[in-house]
Amino acid sequence: MNEITSIDVSEIGTSEIYQLLTTAIAPRPIAFASTIDKEGVVNLSPFSFFNVFSANPPILIFSPVRRVRDNTIKHTLENIREVKEVVINTVNYPMVEQMSLASTEYDKGVNEFSKSGLTPIDSIKVRPPRVKESPVSFECVVDNIVELGNEGGAGNLLISRVVYIHIDNKYLDGNKGLETKKLDHVARMGANWYTRVTEQSLFEIPKPIRNKGIGVDQLPKHIFKTDIFSGNDIGRLGNAEKKPSEEDLDEFQKKSSIAQILKIRGKDEKIAQLHKTAKGYLQKGNLDFALKTLFSDGL
């Protein structure tokens, strides 16, 4: 049995809580936020406390956190209190080092576009500029600011409503939709770590859209009698839309090698062989044959 470390957050400091949260809750998308103050001074800064929360209306929320060391707030929040507009730019690998440079705590009034070498482009509906190098930029109006506390480490939820979207065409597919494999996104991990979303790291999980998976509880109970299947294997099996019918099983047994396995007299050996065969089908992406193997007669 795995040993567990349990922590009462009231007994540790904010810095330790922050490190645990940002390492455990990962990867996190990055909101590269450009803002402007009432004097027209631009600020550009990344935030990884960020995500999308609604499509109608289209809402993005990110949170500039009060600095733990001295309880000061960031220029982004100061600007948005003055001008409730922001452009949230996405970040991919070709620009990640420049994004990181823009996170430097420069004095107020210093233009991070100039410091990072990134290119500002005028927005259409809001005053802050967008980042030319970003794959996608969202012009937003900030509808609400929710302050979660007034001490160091407290977040400030900036509820941002999207009013205009800019997409670099090189990241589109043939149907004018965003192509995940082309985006090359990066995401924030804990400490100084990031992760890169490459084609090699991507995978798809077939999932019923209109039908419900049968669930693990509807699978033959013997699947838990060996350690051949991983949790992912069992989840994939339980995600099937229906059990194979008796007719399907009869036909399957006539055309496959499963009949030879069913002739094995020892129950444990028979189960192990069925599991190994079903596992092989799963590894080849053949969920149908895997299910038929596990539901075959003779157990």
C-alpha atoms as a PDB file:
ATOM      1  CA  MET A   1       0.000   0.000   0.000  1.00  0.00           C
ATOM      2  CA  ASN A   2       1.312   3.443  -0.909  1.00  0.00           C
ATOM      3  CA  GLU A   3       2.269   5.706   1.964  1.00  0.00           C
ATOM      4  CA  ILE A   4       0.461   9.072   2.024  1.00  0.00           C
ATOM      5  CA  THR A   5       1.660  12.444   3.281  1.00  0.00           C
ATOM      6  CA  SER A   6      -1.283  14.439   4.622  1.00  0.00           C
ATOM      7  CA  ILE A   7      -0.976  18.163   5.282  1.00  0.00           C
ATOM      8  CA  ASP A   8      -3.154  20.576   7.252  1.00  0.00           C
ATOM      9  CA  VAL A   9      -2.770  23.820   5.275  1.00  0.00           C
ATOM     10  CA  SER A  10      -3.262  25.840   8.454  1.00  0.00           C
ATOM     11  CA  GLU A  11       0.047  24.451   9.707  1.00  0.00           C
ATOM     12  CA  ILE A  12       2.283  25.422   6.772  1.00  0.00           C
ATOM     13  CA  GLY A  13       3.282  28.750   5.249  1.00  0.00           C
ATOM     14  CA  THR A  14       1.926  30.420   2.136  1.00  0.00           C
ATOM     15  CA  SER A  15       5.143  29.861   0.171  1.00  0.00           C
ATOM     16  CA  GLU A  16       4.982  26.124   0.799  1.00  0.00           C
ATOM     17  CA  ILE A  17       1.287  26.025  -0.130  1.00  0.00           C
ATOM     18  CA  TYR A  18       2.081  27.900  -3.333  1.00  0.00           C
ATOM     19  CA  GLN A  19       4.825  25.455  -4.300  1.00  0.00           C
ATOM     20  CA  LEU A  20       2.596  22.451  -3.630  1.00  0.00           C
ATOM     21  CA  LEU A  21      -0.324  23.905  -5.587  1.00  0.00           C
ATOM     22  CA  THR A  22       1.677  24.969  -8.632  1.00  0.00           C
ATOM     23  CA  THR A  23       3.542  21.663  -8.815  1.00  0.00           C
ATOM     24  CA  ALA A  24       0.502  19.446  -8.299  1.00  0.00           C
ATOM     25  CA  ILE A  25      -1.972  21.463 -10.412  1.00  0.00           C
ATOM     26  CA  ALA A  26      -0.144  21.193 -13.719  1.00  0.00           C
ATOM     27  CA  PRO A  27       0.257  21.634 -16.585  1.00  0.00           C
ATOM     28  CA  ARG A  28      -1.455  25.015 -16.677  1.00  0.00           C
ATOM     29  CA  PRO A  29      -2.105  27.110 -19.807  1.00  0.00           C
ATOM     30  CA  ILE A  30      -0.510  30.542 -19.904  1.00  0.00           C
ATOM     31  CA  ALA A  31      -2.369  33.821 -20.284  1.00  0.00           C
ATOM     32  CA  PHE A  32       0.099  36.288 -21.785  1.00  0.00           C
ATOM     33  CA  ALA A  33      -1.794  39.420 -20.813  1.00  0.00           C
ATOM     34  CA  SER A  34      -1.285  42.847 -22.337  1.00  0.00           C
ATOM     35  CA  THR A  35      -2.886  45.766 -20.491  1.00  0.00           C
ATOM     36  CA  ILE A  36      -2.743  49.534 -20.505  1.00  0.00           C
ATOM     37  CA  ASP A  37      -3.118  52.199 -17.824  1.00  0.00           C
ATOM     38  CA  LYS A  38      -5.104  55.436 -18.057  1.00  0.00           C
ATOM     39  CA  GLU A  39      -1.983  57.257 -19.280  1.00  0.00           C
ATOM     40  CA  GLY A  40      -1.559  54.821 -22.160  1.00  0.00           C
ATOM     41  CA  VAL A  41       1.434  52.942 -20.719  1.00  0.00           C
ATOM     42  CA  VAL A  42       1.450  49.285 -21.828  1.00  0.00           C
ATOM     43  CA  ASN A  43       2.288  46.247 -19.693  1.00  0.00           C
ATOM     44  CA  LEU A  44       2.827  42.653 -20.838  1.00  0.00           C
ATOM     45  CA  SER A  45       2.993  39.780 -18.360  1.00  0.00           C
ATOM     46  CA  PRO A  46       2.272  36.010 -18.258  1.00  0.00           C
ATOM     47  CA  PHE A  47      -0.063  34.281 -15.773  1.00  0.00           C
ATOM     48  CA  SER A  48      -0.600  30.550 -15.336  1.00  0.00           C
ATOM     49  CA  PHE A  49      -3.559  30.786 -12.975  1.00  0.00           C
ATOM     50  CA  PHE A  50      -5.743  30.815 -16.093  1.00  0.00           C
ATOM     51  CA  ASN A  51      -8.396  28.972 -18.068  1.00  0.00           C
ATOM     52  CA  VAL A  52     -11.603  29.218 -20.138  1.00  0.00           C
ATOM     53  CA  PHE A  53     -14.855  29.070 -18.178  1.00  0.00           C
ATOM     54  CA  SER A  54     -17.698  29.745 -20.603  1.00  0.00           C
ATOM     55  CA  ALA A  55     -18.471  29.828 -24.327  1.00  0.00           C
ATOM     56  CA  ASN A  56     -21.738  31.767 -24.177  1.00  0.00           C
ATOM     57  CA  PRO A  57     -20.734  34.347 -23.159  1.00  0.00           C
ATOM     58  CA  PRO A  58     -17.086  33.567 -23.985  1.00  0.00           C
ATOM     59  CA  ILE A  59     -15.274  34.021 -20.670  1.00  0.00           C
ATOM     60  CA  LEU A  60     -11.585  33.670 -19.829  1.00  0.00           C
ATOM     61  CA  ILE A  61     -10.407  34.095 -16.238  1.00  0.00           C
ATOM     62  CA  PHE A  62      -6.869  34.650 -15.017  1.00  0.00           C
ATOM     63  CA  SER A  63      -5.590  35.642 -11.617  1.00  0.00           C
ATOM     64  CA  PRO A  64      -2.696  37.954 -10.736  1.00  0.00           C
ATOM     65  CA  VAL A  65      -1.696  36.845  -7.244  1.00  0.00           C
ATOM     66  CA  ARG A  66      -0.495  39.220  -4.549  1.00  0.00           C
ATOM     67  CA  ARG A  67       3.235  38.728  -4.044  1.00  0.00           C
ATOM     68  CA  VAL A  68       3.884  36.496  -1.056  1.00  0.00           C
ATOM     69  CA  ARG A  69       7.075  38.259   0.016  1.00  0.00           C
ATOM     70  CA  ASP A  70       5.683  41.794   0.413  1.00  0.00           C
ATOM     71  CA  ASN A  71       1.936  41.645  -0.368  1.00  0.00           C
ATOM     72  CA  THR A  72       2.238  43.988  -3.361  1.00  0.00           C
ATOM     73  CA  ILE A  73       0.071  43.684  -6.461  1.00  0.00           C
ATOM     74  CA  LYS A  74       1.202  43.410 -10.068  1.00  0.00           C
ATOM     75  CA  HIS A  75       1.077  46.132 -12.689  1.00  0.00           C
ATOM     76  CA  THR A  76      -1.424  44.074 -14.691  1.00  0.00           C
ATOM     77  CA  LEU A  77      -3.986  44.340 -11.894  1.00  0.00           C
ATOM     78  CA  GLU A  78      -3.238  48.044 -11.382  1.00  0.00           C
ATOM     79  CA  ASN A  79      -3.805  48.683 -15.079  1.00  0.00           C
ATOM     80  CA  ILE A  80      -7.057  46.738 -15.272  1.00  0.00           C
ATOM     81  CA  ARG A  81      -8.430  48.648 -12.303  1.00  0.00           C
ATOM     82  CA  GLU A  82      -7.904  51.774 -14.413  1.00  0.00           C
ATOM     83  CA  VAL A  83      -8.767  50.411 -17.875  1.00  0.00           C
ATOM     84  CA  LYS A  84     -10.940  47.299 -17.740  1.00  0.00           C
ATOM     85  CA  GLU A  85      -9.595  45.780 -20.932  1.00  0.00           C
ATOM     86  CA  VAL A  86      -7.004  43.083 -21.676  1.00  0.00           C
ATOM     87  CA  VAL A  87      -5.657  41.057 -24.565  1.00  0.00           C
ATOM     88  CA  ILE A  88      -4.941  37.454 -23.574  1.00  0.00           C
ATOM     89  CA  ASN A  89      -2.351  36.001 -25.939  1.00  0.00           C
ATOM     90  CA  THR A  90      -1.554  32.288 -26.093  1.00  0.00           C
ATOM     91  CA  VAL A  91       2.034  31.072 -25.808  1.00  0.00           C
ATOM     92  CA  ASN A  92       3.800  28.405 -27.861  1.00  0.00           C
ATOM     93  CA  TYR A  93       7.335  27.062 -27.948  1.00  0.00           C
ATOM     94  CA  PRO A  94       8.831  29.470 -30.535  1.00  0.00           C
ATOM     95  CA  MET A  95       8.183  32.404 -28.161  1.00  0.00           C
ATOM     96  CA  VAL A  96       8.502  30.822 -24.704  1.00  0.00           C
ATOM     97  CA  GLU A  97      11.870  32.396 -23.814  1.00  0.00           C
ATOM     98  CA  GLN A  98      10.621  35.860 -24.756  1.00  0.00           C
ATOM     99  CA  MET A  99       7.493  35.275 -22.707  1.00  0.00           C
ATOM    100  CA  SER A 100       9.643  34.304 -19.735  1.00  0.00           C
ATOM    101  CA  LEU A 101      11.727  37.462 -20.136  1.00  0.00           C
ATOM    102  CA  ALA A 102       8.546  39.548 -20.071  1.00  0.00           C
ATOM    103  CA  SER A 103       7.729  38.079 -16.642  1.00  0.00           C
ATOM    104  CA  THR A 104      10.655  40.018 -15.135  1.00  0.00           C
ATOM    105  CA  GLU A 105       9.481  42.453 -12.477  1.00  0.00           C
ATOM    106  CA  TYR A 106      10.445  45.628 -14.288  1.00  0.00           C
ATOM    107  CA  ASP A 107       9.568  48.999 -12.787  1.00  0.00           C
ATOM    108  CA  LYS A 108       6.201  50.476 -13.665  1.00  0.00           C
ATOM    109  CA  GLY A 109       6.357  52.251 -16.991  1.00  0.00           C
ATOM    110  CA  VAL A 110       8.871  49.849 -18.536  1.00  0.00           C
ATOM    111  CA  ASN A 111       7.470  48.371 -21.753  1.00  0.00           C
ATOM    112  CA  GLU A 112       7.857  44.573 -21.720  1.00  0.00           C
ATOM    113  CA  PHE A 113       7.257  44.464 -25.472  1.00  0.00           C
ATOM    114  CA  SER A 114      10.517  46.350 -25.920  1.00  0.00           C
ATOM    115  CA  LYS A 115      12.366  44.314 -23.308  1.00  0.00           C
ATOM    116  CA  SER A 116      11.277  40.957 -24.726  1.00  0.00           C
ATOM    117  CA  GLY A 117      11.546  41.863 -28.392  1.00  0.00           C
ATOM    118  CA  LEU A 118       7.945  40.869 -29.049  1.00  0.00           C
ATOM    119  CA  THR A 119       5.852  42.854 -31.523  1.00  0.00           C
ATOM    120  CA  PRO A 120       2.787  44.868 -30.452  1.00  0.00           C
ATOM    121  CA  ILE A 121      -0.115  45.135 -32.907  1.00  0.00           C
ATOM    122  CA  ASP A 122      -3.109  47.421 -32.470  1.00  0.00           C
ATOM    123  CA  SER A 123      -6.273  45.699 -31.325  1.00  0.00           C
ATOM    124  CA  ILE A 124      -9.685  46.248 -32.922  1.00  0.00           C
ATOM    125  CA  LYS A 125     -12.062  46.726 -29.976  1.00  0.00           C
ATOM    126  CA  VAL A 126      -9.816  47.297 -26.943  1.00  0.00           C
ATOM    127  CA  ARG A 127      -6.923  49.641 -26.186  1.00  0.00           C
ATOM    128  CA  PRO A 128      -4.140  47.222 -25.151  1.00  0.00           C
ATOM    129  CA  PRO A 129      -2.126  45.853 -28.102  1.00  0.00           C
ATOM    130  CA  ARG A 130      -1.891  42.182 -28.940  1.00  0.00           C
ATOM    131  CA  VAL A 131       1.256  40.098 -29.456  1.00  0.00           C
ATOM    132  CA  LYS A 132       2.022  39.430 -33.115  1.00  0.00           C
ATOM    133  CA  GLU A 133       4.003  36.275 -32.359  1.00  0.00           C
ATOM    134  CA  SER A 134       1.148  34.589 -30.455  1.00  0.00           C
ATOM    135  CA  PRO A 135      -0.821  31.845 -32.248  1.00  0.00           C
ATOM    136  CA  VAL A 136      -4.128  33.215 -30.921  1.00  0.00           C
ATOM    137  CA  SER A 137      -5.014  36.499 -29.236  1.00  0.00           C
ATOM    138  CA  PHE A 138      -8.265  37.263 -27.436  1.00  0.00           C
ATOM    139  CA  GLU A 139      -9.385  40.852 -27.052  1.00  0.00           C
ATOM    140  CA  CYS A 140     -11.352  41.038 -23.812  1.00  0.00           C
ATOM    141  CA  VAL A 141     -13.385  43.405 -21.700  1.00  0.00           C
ATOM    142  CA  VAL A 142     -12.974  42.755 -17.972  1.00  0.00           C
ATOM    143  CA  ASP A 143     -16.493  42.469 -16.564  1.00  0.00           C
ATOM    144  CA  ASN A 144     -15.562  41.841 -12.962  1.00  0.00           C
ATOM    145  CA  ILE A 145     -12.648  41.687 -10.541  1.00  0.00           C
ATOM    146  CA  VAL A 146     -13.056  39.244  -7.671  1.00  0.00           C
ATOM    147  CA  GLU A 147     -10.554  39.782  -4.866  1.00  0.00           C
ATOM    148  CA  LEU A 148      -9.978  36.522  -2.985  1.00  0.00           C
ATOM    149  CA  GLY A 149      -8.088  38.074  -0.087  1.00  0.00           C
ATOM    150  CA  ASN A 150      -5.897  40.967   0.967  1.00  0.00           C
ATOM    151  CA  GLU A 151      -2.772  39.136   2.123  1.00  0.00           C
ATOM    152  CA  GLY A 152       0.255  37.827   0.252  1.00  0.00           C
ATOM    153  CA  GLY A 153      -0.636  34.907  -2.017  1.00  0.00           C
ATOM    154  CA  ALA A 154      -4.264  35.968  -2.484  1.00  0.00           C
ATOM    155  CA  GLY A 155      -5.592  35.812  -6.022  1.00  0.00           C
ATOM    156  CA  ASN A 156      -7.636  38.337  -7.978  1.00  0.00           C
ATOM    157  CA  LEU A 157      -9.967  36.767 -10.526  1.00  0.00           C
ATOM    158  CA  LEU A 158     -10.165  38.889 -13.662  1.00  0.00           C
ATOM    159  CA  ILE A 159     -13.353  37.758 -15.390  1.00  0.00           C
ATOM    160  CA  SER A 160     -12.650  38.647 -19.001  1.00  0.00           C
ATOM    161  CA  ARG A 161     -15.264  38.545 -21.772  1.00  0.00           C
ATOM    162  CA  VAL A 162     -13.900  37.869 -25.255  1.00  0.00           C
ATOM    163  CA  VAL A 163     -14.997  40.431 -27.854  1.00  0.00           C
ATOM    164  CA  TYR A 164     -12.567  39.724 -30.709  1.00  0.00           C
ATOM    165  CA  ILE A 165     -10.258  36.872 -31.689  1.00  0.00           C
ATOM    166  CA  HIS A 166      -7.124  36.913 -33.842  1.00  0.00           C
ATOM    167  CA  ILE A 167      -5.645  33.665 -35.221  1.00  0.00           C
ATOM    168  CA  ASP A 168      -2.356  33.222 -37.071  1.00  0.00           C
ATOM    169  CA  ASN A 169      -3.424  31.339 -40.215  1.00  0.00           C
ATOM    170  CA  LYS A 170      -0.429  29.002 -40.130  1.00  0.00           C
ATOM    171  CA  TYR A 171      -2.039  27.232 -37.157  1.00  0.00           C
ATOM    172  CA  LEU A 172      -5.284  26.484 -39.013  1.00  0.00           C
ATOM    173  CA  ASP A 173      -6.219  23.184 -40.620  1.00  0.00           C
ATOM    174  CA  GLY A 174      -7.938  22.639 -43.962  1.00  0.00           C
ATOM    175  CA  ASN A 175     -11.328  23.395 -42.428  1.00  0.00           C
ATOM    176  CA  LYS A 176     -10.192  26.735 -40.984  1.00  0.00           C
ATOM    177  CA  GLY A 177     -10.139  25.276 -37.477  1.00  0.00           C
ATOM    178  CA  LEU A 178      -7.229  25.391 -35.066  1.00  0.00           C
ATOM    179  CA  GLU A 179      -4.901  22.408 -35.567  1.00  0.00           C
ATOM    180  CA  THR A 180      -3.744  21.055 -32.213  1.00  0.00           C
ATOM    181  CA  LYS A 181      -0.650  19.408 -33.700  1.00  0.00           C
ATOM    182  CA  LYS A 182       0.541  22.686 -35.221  1.00  0.00           C
ATOM    183  CA  LEU A 183       0.079  24.929 -32.188  1.00  0.00           C
ATOM    184  CA  ASP A 184       3.145  23.654 -30.285  1.00  0.00           C
ATOM    185  CA  HIS A 185       1.749  25.055 -27.048  1.00  0.00           C
ATOM    186  CA  VAL A 186       3.711  25.255 -23.823  1.00  0.00           C
ATOM    187  CA  ALA A 187       2.279  25.046 -20.320  1.00  0.00           C
ATOM    188  CA  ARG A 188       3.475  25.912 -16.852  1.00  0.00           C
ATOM    189  CA  MET A 189       4.593  23.353 -14.307  1.00  0.00           C
ATOM    190  CA  GLY A 190       6.021  23.886 -10.810  1.00  0.00           C
ATOM    191  CA  ALA A 191       9.172  25.889  -9.977  1.00  0.00           C
ATOM    192  CA  ASN A 192      11.074  26.706 -13.219  1.00  0.00           C
ATOM    193  CA  TRP A 193       9.559  23.830 -15.188  1.00  0.00           C
ATOM    194  CA  TYR A 194       7.469  24.028 -18.352  1.00  0.00           C
ATOM    195  CA  THR A 195       6.108  21.367 -20.671  1.00  0.00           C
ATOM    196  CA  ARG A 196       5.768  21.360 -24.458  1.00  0.00           C
ATOM    197  CA  VAL A 197       2.786  19.890 -26.308  1.00  0.00           C
ATOM    198  CA  THR A 198       4.367  18.114 -29.260  1.00  0.00           C
ATOM    199  CA  GLU A 199       2.730  15.712 -31.692  1.00  0.00           C
ATOM    200  CA  GLN A 200       4.649  12.884 -30.011  1.00  0.00           C
ATOM    201  CA  SER A 201       3.118  13.741 -26.615  1.00  0.00           C
ATOM    202  CA  LEU A 202      -0.459  13.955 -27.917  1.00  0.00           C
ATOM    203  CA  PHE A 203      -2.931  11.104 -27.740  1.00  0.00           C
ATOM    204  CA  GLU A 204      -6.634  10.657 -28.400  1.00  0.00           C
ATOM    205  CA  ILE A 205      -9.204   8.814 -26.302  1.00  0.00           C
ATOM    206  CA  PRO A 206     -12.249   7.553 -28.219  1.00  0.00           C
ATOM    207  CA  LYS A 207     -15.304   8.611 -26.274  1.00  0.00           C
ATOM    208  CA  PRO A 208     -19.022   8.108 -26.889  1.00  0.00           C
ATOM    209  CA  ILE A 209     -20.636  11.477 -27.501  1.00  0.00           C
ATOM    210  CA  ARG A 210     -24.320  10.586 -27.657  1.00  0.00           C
ATOM    211  CA  ASN A 211     -24.189   7.196 -25.910  1.00  0.00           C
ATOM    212  CA  LYS A 212     -23.041   6.300 -22.418  1.00  0.00           C
ATOM    213  CA  GLY A 213     -20.186   3.887 -21.778  1.00  0.00           C
ATOM    214  CA  ILE A 214     -21.301   0.626 -20.178  1.00  0.00           C
ATOM    215  CA  GLY A 215     -19.062   1.258 -17.175  1.00  0.00           C
ATOM    216  CA  VAL A 216     -16.468  -0.916 -15.480  1.00  0.00           C
ATOM    217  CA  ASP A 217     -19.172  -2.437 -13.266  1.00  0.00           C
ATOM    218  CA  GLN A 218     -20.670  -4.127 -16.349  1.00  0.00           C
ATOM    219  CA  LEU A 219     -17.442  -5.881 -17.339  1.00  0.00           C
ATOM    220  CA  PRO A 220     -16.784  -9.528 -16.418  1.00  0.00           C
ATOM    221  CA  LYS A 221     -15.598  -9.684 -12.803  1.00  0.00           C
ATOM    222  CA  HIS A 222     -12.617 -11.829 -13.735  1.00  0.00           C
ATOM    223  CA  ILE A 223     -10.831  -8.829 -15.257  1.00  0.00           C
ATOM    224  CA  PHE A 224      -9.685  -7.979 -11.727  1.00  0.00           C
ATOM    225  CA  LYS A 225      -8.210 -11.443 -11.109  1.00  0.00           C
ATOM    226  CA  THR A 226      -4.929 -10.710 -12.902  1.00  0.00           C
ATOM    227  CA  ASP A 227      -2.671  -7.683 -13.059  1.00  0.00           C
ATOM    228  CA  ILE A 228      -2.538  -7.706 -16.846  1.00  0.00           C
ATOM    229  CA  PHE A 229      -4.870  -4.748 -17.292  1.00  0.00           C
ATOM    230  CA  SER A 230      -3.915  -1.233 -16.231  1.00  0.00           C
ATOM    231  CA  GLY A 231      -6.431   1.300 -14.963  1.00  0.00           C
ATOM    232  CA  ASN A 232      -6.369   2.879 -18.409  1.00  0.00           C
ATOM    233  CA  ASP A 233      -7.151  -0.480 -20.029  1.00  0.00           C
ATOM    234  CA  ILE A 234     -10.125  -1.028 -17.738  1.00  0.00           C
ATOM    235  CA  GLY A 235     -11.344   2.521 -18.350  1.00  0.00           C
ATOM    236  CA  ARG A 236     -11.157   1.985 -22.118  1.00  0.00           C
ATOM    237  CA  LEU A 237     -13.148  -1.257 -21.822  1.00  0.00           C
ATOM    238  CA  GLY A 238     -15.774   0.396 -19.638  1.00  0.00           C
ATOM    239  CA  ASN A 239     -16.095   3.200 -22.175  1.00  0.00           C
ATOM    240  CA  ALA A 240     -17.556   0.802 -24.764  1.00  0.00           C
ATOM    241  CA  GLU A 241     -21.100   1.673 -25.790  1.00  0.00           C
ATOM    242  CA  LYS A 242     -22.565  -1.826 -25.398  1.00  0.00           C
ATOM    243  CA  LYS A 243     -21.777  -5.404 -24.488  1.00  0.00           C
ATOM    244  CA  PRO A 244     -21.282  -7.886 -27.336  1.00  0.00           C
ATOM    245  CA  SER A 245     -24.398  -9.944 -28.103  1.00  0.00           C
ATOM    246  CA  GLU A 246     -24.489 -13.734 -27.958  1.00  0.00           C
ATOM    247  CA  GLU A 247     -24.626 -13.815 -31.753  1.00  0.00           C
ATOM    248  CA  ASP A 248     -21.552 -11.573 -31.958  1.00  0.00           C
ATOM    249  CA  LEU A 249     -19.674 -13.843 -29.551  1.00  0.00           C
ATOM    250  CA  ASP A 250     -20.607 -17.013 -31.442  1.00  0.00           C
ATOM    251  CA  GLU A 251     -19.406 -15.534 -34.723  1.00  0.00           C
ATOM    252  CA  PHE A 252     -16.222 -14.210 -33.109  1.00  0.00           C
ATOM    253  CA  GLN A 253     -15.303 -17.562 -31.612  1.00  0.00           C
ATOM    254  CA  LYS A 254     -15.711 -19.288 -34.988  1.00  0.00           C
ATOM    255  CA  LYS A 255     -13.382 -16.891 -36.783  1.00  0.00           C
ATOM    256  CA  SER A 256     -10.739 -16.208 -34.125  1.00  0.00           C
ATOM    257  CA  SER A 257      -8.260 -18.248 -32.123  1.00  0.00           C
ATOM    258  CA  ILE A 258     -10.282 -17.713 -28.964  1.00  0.00           C
ATOM    259  CA  ALA A 259     -11.791 -21.229 -29.204  1.00  0.00           C
ATOM    260  CA  GLN A 260      -8.393 -22.746 -28.453  1.00  0.00           C
ATOM    261  CA  ILE A 261      -8.090 -20.692 -25.278  1.00  0.00           C
ATOM    262  CA  LEU A 262     -11.558 -21.737 -24.147  1.00  0.00           C
ATOM    263  CA  LYS A 263     -10.455 -25.387 -24.289  1.00  0.00           C
ATOM    264  CA  ILE A 264      -7.878 -24.788 -21.531  1.00  0.00           C
ATOM    265  CA  ARG A 265      -9.018 -26.719 -18.451  1.00  0.00           C
ATOM    266  CA  GLY A 266      -7.384 -24.684 -15.716  1.00  0.00           C
ATOM    267  CA  LYS A 267      -9.594 -21.712 -14.918  1.00  0.00           C
ATOM    268  CA  ASP A 268      -6.752 -19.417 -13.800  1.00  0.00           C
ATOM    269  CA  GLU A 269      -4.668 -20.223 -16.862  1.00  0.00           C
ATOM    270  CA  LYS A 270      -7.681 -19.734 -19.119  1.00  0.00           C
ATOM    271  CA  ILE A 271      -8.383 -16.320 -17.585  1.00  0.00           C
ATOM    272  CA  ALA A 272      -4.736 -15.283 -17.926  1.00  0.00           C
ATOM    273  CA  GLN A 273      -4.661 -16.262 -21.604  1.00  0.00           C
ATOM    274  CA  LEU A 274      -7.924 -14.442 -22.306  1.00  0.00           C
ATOM    275  CA  HIS A 275      -6.570 -11.345 -20.581  1.00  0.00           C
ATOM    276  CA  LYS A 276      -3.300 -11.441 -22.515  1.00  0.00           C
ATOM    277  CA  THR A 277      -5.205 -11.813 -25.782  1.00  0.00           C
ATOM    278  CA  ALA A 278      -7.593  -8.985 -24.925  1.00  0.00           C
ATOM    279  CA  LYS A 279      -4.656  -6.815 -23.875  1.00  0.00           C
ATOM    280  CA  GLY A 280      -3.060  -7.415 -27.273  1.00  0.00           C
ATOM    281  CA  TYR A 281      -6.220  -6.297 -29.022  1.00  0.00           C
ATOM    282  CA  LEU A 282      -6.356  -3.148 -26.867  1.00  0.00           C
ATOM    283  CA  GLN A 283      -2.768  -2.315 -27.724  1.00  0.00           C
ATOM    284  CA  LYS A 284      -3.711  -2.541 -31.404  1.00  0.00           C
ATOM    285  CA  GLY A 285      -6.704  -0.256 -30.823  1.00  0.00           C
ATOM    286  CA  ASN A 286      -9.262  -3.039 -31.386  1.00  0.00           C
ATOM    287  CA  LEU A 287     -11.719  -2.497 -28.516  1.00  0.00           C
ATOM    288  CA  ASP A 288     -14.393  -4.637 -30.194  1.00  0.00           C
ATOM    289  CA  PHE A 289     -12.247  -7.787 -30.258  1.00  0.00           C
ATOM    290  CA  ALA A 290     -10.952  -7.125 -26.738  1.00  0.00           C
ATOM    291  CA  LEU A 291     -14.504  -7.014 -25.382  1.00  0.00           C
ATOM    292  CA  LYS A 292     -15.554 -10.107 -27.282  1.00  0.00           C
ATOM    293  CA  THR A 293     -12.557 -11.966 -25.906  1.00  0.00           C
ATOM    294  CA  LEU A 294     -13.410 -11.055 -22.314  1.00  0.00           C
ATOM    295  CA  PHE A 295     -17.130 -11.837 -22.710  1.00  0.00           C
ATOM    296  CA  SER A 296     -16.544 -15.198 -24.395  1.00  0.00           C
ATOM    297  CA  ASP A 297     -18.192 -18.341 -22.941  1.00  0.00           C
ATOM    298  CA  GLY A 298     -16.343 -20.899 -20.894  1.00  0.00           C
ATOM    299  CA  LEU A 299     -15.576 -18.977 -17.694  1.00  0.00           C
END
